[in-house]
């Protein structure tokens, strides 16, 4: 199953689905940090330990530990999203490449190294010429993931609504 997505730069990408198991396998090797904990007394004087939340930090030290935890957790999530985006663009996105190399020559003139390997060259073309915004990246990655969960018609409708909403935000 594939869908077509027109990026903000006007390029039409053909997106295929990515297996949810593939995405889960990518996450398996990633260690998420444990939240800091605190002790509290329960009925009868027994002490128990629980993970902190946004609302349980009482001291400045607890708040520093919580902030450090959120920073490490967010860094891991960001690294995963970048990794997932690269995988989706490599495995699940296709585009009709230009017949000439004018785009590559222009990039070389700008000091950009253009890969010679055909697969890497195509990926480079998609990421540097076709994708113009973070919205494009988000839409492509989500499309590849969501197609395994919805029918093509349902997803195409949702994608149109998403594009309409994003266009409405600009006004």
Protein backbone atom coordinates (compact mmCIF):
# COMPACT_ATOMS: atom_id res chain seq x y z
CA UNK A 1 0.00 0.00 0.00
CA UNK A 2 1.29 3.46 -0.90
CA UNK A 3 0.05 7.03 -0.80
CA UNK A 4 1.23 10.16 -2.53
CA UNK A 5 2.21 13.22 -0.54
CA UNK A 6 3.04 16.59 -2.07
CA UNK A 7 5.66 18.36 0.02
CA UNK A 8 5.81 22.07 0.74
CA UNK A 9 8.34 22.37 -2.10
CA UNK A 10 5.89 20.84 -4.59
CA UNK A 11 7.55 17.44 -4.95
CA UNK A 12 5.38 14.34 -4.97
CA UNK A 13 6.64 11.58 -2.69
CA UNK A 14 5.36 8.03 -2.78
CA UNK A 15 5.15 6.69 0.76
CA UNK A 16 4.83 3.05 1.72
CA UNK A 17 4.14 1.63 5.15
CA UNK A 18 6.71 0.74 7.77
CA UNK A 19 6.10 -2.29 9.92
CA UNK A 20 5.19 -1.46 13.53
CA UNK A 21 7.47 -4.32 14.54
CA UNK A 22 10.36 -2.66 12.72
CA UNK A 23 9.80 0.55 14.69
CA UNK A 24 9.55 -1.40 17.95
CA UNK A 25 12.77 -3.25 17.12
CA UNK A 26 14.52 0.11 16.60
CA UNK A 27 13.41 1.18 20.08
CA UNK A 28 14.51 -2.04 21.79
CA UNK A 29 18.16 -1.12 22.07
CA UNK A 30 17.41 2.30 23.54
CA UNK A 31 17.64 2.77 27.29
CA UNK A 32 15.26 5.33 28.67
CA UNK A 33 16.29 7.01 31.92
CA UNK A 34 14.44 6.18 35.10
CA UNK A 35 12.73 9.11 36.79
CA UNK A 36 14.12 10.23 40.12
CA UNK A 37 12.29 8.88 43.16
CA UNK A 38 11.16 10.18 46.53
CA UNK A 39 10.20 8.55 49.79
CA UNK A 40 6.93 9.10 51.58
CA UNK A 41 5.34 7.72 54.71
CA UNK A 42 2.19 5.66 54.51
CA UNK A 43 -0.29 4.81 57.23
CA UNK A 44 1.50 2.98 60.02
CA UNK A 45 4.82 4.77 59.53
CA UNK A 46 6.13 2.56 56.73
CA UNK A 47 8.16 4.35 54.07
CA UNK A 48 7.60 3.73 50.38
CA UNK A 49 9.36 4.97 47.28
CA UNK A 50 7.68 6.32 44.16
CA UNK A 51 8.87 8.02 40.99
CA UNK A 52 8.66 11.78 40.90
CA UNK A 53 6.18 13.51 38.65
CA UNK A 54 5.89 17.12 37.61
CA UNK A 55 3.92 17.86 40.79
CA UNK A 56 5.86 15.90 43.43
CA UNK A 57 9.11 17.86 43.49
CA UNK A 58 9.20 19.81 46.74
CA UNK A 59 12.83 20.81 47.19
CA UNK A 60 15.23 22.60 44.87
CA UNK A 61 17.32 19.41 44.72
CA UNK A 62 14.28 17.36 43.68
CA UNK A 63 13.46 19.93 41.00
CA UNK A 64 17.03 19.79 39.66
CA UNK A 65 16.88 15.99 39.52
CA UNK A 66 13.51 16.15 37.77
CA UNK A 67 14.76 18.71 35.23
CA UNK A 68 17.83 16.58 34.51
CA UNK A 69 15.61 13.51 34.02
CA UNK A 70 13.32 15.39 31.59
CA UNK A 71 16.33 16.66 29.64
CA UNK A 72 17.80 13.14 29.30
CA UNK A 73 14.40 11.63 28.44
CA UNK A 74 13.68 14.29 25.81
CA UNK A 75 17.14 13.84 24.29
CA UNK A 76 16.46 10.09 23.88
CA UNK A 77 13.04 10.75 22.31
CA UNK A 78 14.58 13.27 19.90
CA UNK A 79 17.35 10.84 18.92
CA UNK A 80 14.72 8.15 18.30
CA UNK A 81 12.60 10.45 16.15
CA UNK A 82 15.62 11.45 14.06
CA UNK A 83 16.58 7.79 13.65
CA UNK A 84 13.00 6.87 12.72
CA UNK A 85 12.77 9.70 10.19
CA UNK A 86 16.01 8.61 8.50
CA UNK A 87 14.75 5.01 8.39
CA UNK A 88 11.37 6.00 6.94
CA UNK A 89 12.97 8.22 4.30
CA UNK A 90 15.42 5.43 3.41
CA UNK A 91 12.97 2.49 3.44
CA UNK A 92 9.53 3.92 2.73
CA UNK A 93 9.84 6.98 0.48
CA UNK A 94 10.28 7.05 -3.26
CA UNK A 95 10.34 9.89 -5.73
CA UNK A 96 10.88 10.26 -9.44
CA UNK A 97 14.41 11.59 -9.74
CA UNK A 98 15.11 14.40 -12.24
CA UNK A 99 16.48 13.25 -15.57
CA UNK A 100 19.42 15.64 -15.35
CA UNK A 101 21.86 16.42 -12.56
CA UNK A 102 21.22 20.17 -12.41
CA UNK A 103 20.10 19.91 -8.79
CA UNK A 104 23.32 18.08 -7.82
CA UNK A 105 25.51 20.54 -9.70
CA UNK A 106 23.79 23.47 -7.93
CA UNK A 107 24.36 21.83 -4.55
CA UNK A 108 28.03 21.19 -5.37
CA UNK A 109 28.41 24.86 -6.31
CA UNK A 110 27.06 25.68 -2.84
CA UNK A 111 29.69 23.44 -1.25
CA UNK A 112 27.32 20.57 -0.49
CA UNK A 113 28.66 17.07 -0.88
CA UNK A 114 26.29 14.99 -3.02
CA UNK A 115 26.64 11.22 -2.57
CA UNK A 116 27.59 9.10 -5.59
CA UNK A 117 25.96 5.87 -4.30
CA UNK A 118 22.51 5.75 -6.00
CA UNK A 119 20.57 4.89 -2.82
CA UNK A 120 22.31 7.56 -0.73
CA UNK A 121 21.97 10.06 -3.60
CA UNK A 122 18.22 9.49 -3.77
CA UNK A 123 17.89 9.85 0.00
CA UNK A 124 19.97 13.03 -0.15
CA UNK A 125 17.76 14.38 -2.96
CA UNK A 126 14.57 13.68 -1.00
CA UNK A 127 15.90 15.25 2.20
CA UNK A 128 17.52 18.32 0.65
CA UNK A 129 15.39 19.08 -2.41
CA UNK A 130 11.93 17.60 -1.74
CA UNK A 131 11.39 18.15 1.98
CA UNK A 132 11.04 21.82 2.82
CA UNK A 133 9.65 21.91 6.35
CA UNK A 134 9.48 19.96 9.59
CA UNK A 135 5.78 19.53 8.79
CA UNK A 136 6.81 17.52 5.72
CA UNK A 137 9.06 15.30 7.84
CA UNK A 138 6.31 14.79 10.41
CA UNK A 139 3.65 14.05 7.77
CA UNK A 140 5.85 11.54 5.90
CA UNK A 141 6.93 9.64 9.03
CA UNK A 142 3.40 9.54 10.42
CA UNK A 143 2.01 8.44 7.05
CA UNK A 144 4.40 5.48 6.91
CA UNK A 145 3.44 4.49 10.46
CA UNK A 146 -0.29 5.09 10.20
CA UNK A 147 -0.85 3.17 6.98
CA UNK A 148 -0.31 -0.04 8.90
CA UNK A 149 -3.21 0.91 11.19
CA UNK A 150 -5.81 2.46 8.87
CA UNK A 151 -7.30 1.81 5.46
CA UNK A 152 -5.79 3.84 2.64
CA UNK A 153 -9.03 5.80 2.17
CA UNK A 154 -9.23 6.72 5.86
CA UNK A 155 -5.62 7.80 5.93
CA UNK A 156 -5.83 9.82 2.70
CA UNK A 157 -8.84 11.65 4.17
CA UNK A 158 -6.96 12.36 7.42
CA UNK A 159 -3.93 13.59 5.46
CA UNK A 160 -6.15 16.02 3.51
CA UNK A 161 -7.63 17.31 6.78
CA UNK A 162 -4.12 17.71 8.21
CA UNK A 163 -2.99 19.70 5.15
CA UNK A 164 -6.16 21.86 5.30
CA UNK A 165 -5.56 22.58 9.00
CA UNK A 166 -1.90 23.48 8.41
CA UNK A 167 -2.87 25.79 5.55
CA UNK A 168 -5.44 27.42 7.86
CA UNK A 169 -2.78 28.08 10.51
CA UNK A 170 -0.82 30.30 8.15
CA UNK A 171 -3.61 32.90 7.95
